[in-house]
């Protein structure tokens, strides 16, 4: 279950209503929740705003990329 899916269930928000609020289609939002869709920066930001920061832009970055960038900063001794 994605962070967004948990948020919507906890708040009792329907996917089609939330999709309209963040400027996407219910179908696209469903794919995002299933982890099968790609997300635009605009929609990711709108989701962060609509969830009051509970689902952030950073949450949409795949963990393998997060881990790779974390490893790079450790090995170089620099913050990204």
Protein backbone atom coordinates (compact mmCIF):
# COMPACT_ATOMS: atom_id res chain seq x y z
CA UNK A 1 0.00 0.00 0.00
CA UNK A 2 1.42 3.37 -0.99
CA UNK A 3 1.63 6.33 1.33
CA UNK A 4 -1.00 8.12 -0.75
CA UNK A 5 -3.37 5.17 -0.62
CA UNK A 6 -3.01 5.03 3.18
CA UNK A 7 -3.66 8.76 3.41
CA UNK A 8 -6.81 8.59 1.27
CA UNK A 9 -8.18 5.64 3.27
CA UNK A 10 -7.46 7.28 6.62
CA UNK A 11 -9.18 10.49 5.54
CA UNK A 12 -12.05 8.73 3.75
CA UNK A 13 -11.28 10.55 0.50
CA UNK A 14 -12.40 8.99 -2.76
CA UNK A 15 -9.78 8.65 -5.47
CA UNK A 16 -11.88 10.35 -8.16
CA UNK A 17 -12.46 13.40 -5.93
CA UNK A 18 -8.78 13.63 -4.98
CA UNK A 19 -7.70 13.23 -8.62
CA UNK A 20 -9.71 16.31 -9.57
CA UNK A 21 -8.21 18.31 -6.69
CA UNK A 22 -4.65 17.55 -7.80
CA UNK A 23 -5.29 18.02 -11.52
CA UNK A 24 -5.10 14.48 -12.84
CA UNK A 25 -7.51 11.80 -13.98
CA UNK A 26 -8.89 9.09 -11.70
CA UNK A 27 -7.23 6.50 -13.96
CA UNK A 28 -3.82 8.12 -13.65
CA UNK A 29 -4.19 8.46 -9.89
CA UNK A 30 -5.13 4.78 -9.68
CA UNK A 31 -1.98 3.83 -11.60
CA UNK A 32 0.13 6.00 -9.29
CA UNK A 33 -1.37 4.30 -6.25
CA UNK A 34 -0.60 0.91 -7.79
CA UNK A 35 2.97 2.04 -8.47
CA UNK A 36 2.50 1.64 -12.21
CA UNK A 37 2.23 5.21 -13.43
CA UNK A 38 4.65 8.05 -13.83
CA UNK A 39 4.03 11.30 -12.05
CA UNK A 40 4.65 14.84 -13.19
CA UNK A 41 6.30 17.35 -10.92
CA UNK A 42 3.10 19.44 -11.03
CA UNK A 43 0.91 16.56 -9.79
CA UNK A 44 3.47 15.45 -7.19
CA UNK A 45 3.57 18.99 -5.82
CA UNK A 46 -0.24 19.24 -5.83
CA UNK A 47 -0.43 15.98 -3.87
CA UNK A 48 2.06 17.32 -1.33
CA UNK A 49 -0.02 20.48 -0.92
CA UNK A 50 -3.38 18.65 -0.72
CA UNK A 51 -2.05 16.18 1.87
CA UNK A 52 -0.49 18.96 3.96
CA UNK A 53 2.93 17.41 3.42
CA UNK A 54 2.00 13.90 4.48
CA UNK A 55 2.83 12.65 0.96
CA UNK A 56 5.84 14.58 -0.31
CA UNK A 57 7.57 15.03 -3.65
CA UNK A 58 10.36 12.87 -2.26
CA UNK A 59 7.94 9.97 -1.68
CA UNK A 60 7.60 9.48 -5.45
CA UNK A 61 11.32 8.88 -6.03
CA UNK A 62 12.00 5.14 -6.34
CA UNK A 63 13.94 3.76 -3.38
CA UNK A 64 16.77 2.45 -5.58
CA UNK A 65 17.41 6.03 -6.73
CA UNK A 66 17.16 7.39 -3.18
CA UNK A 67 19.65 4.77 -2.01
CA UNK A 68 22.03 5.44 -4.90
CA UNK A 69 22.11 9.18 -4.26
CA UNK A 70 22.58 8.58 -0.53
CA UNK A 71 25.52 6.24 -1.23
CA UNK A 72 27.07 8.78 -3.61
CA UNK A 73 26.99 11.55 -1.05
CA UNK A 74 28.52 9.29 1.61
CA UNK A 75 31.34 8.13 -0.65
CA UNK A 76 32.17 11.62 -1.84
CA UNK A 77 31.85 13.12 1.61
CA UNK A 78 29.54 15.80 0.23
CA UNK A 79 25.87 16.51 0.76
CA UNK A 80 23.69 16.49 -2.33
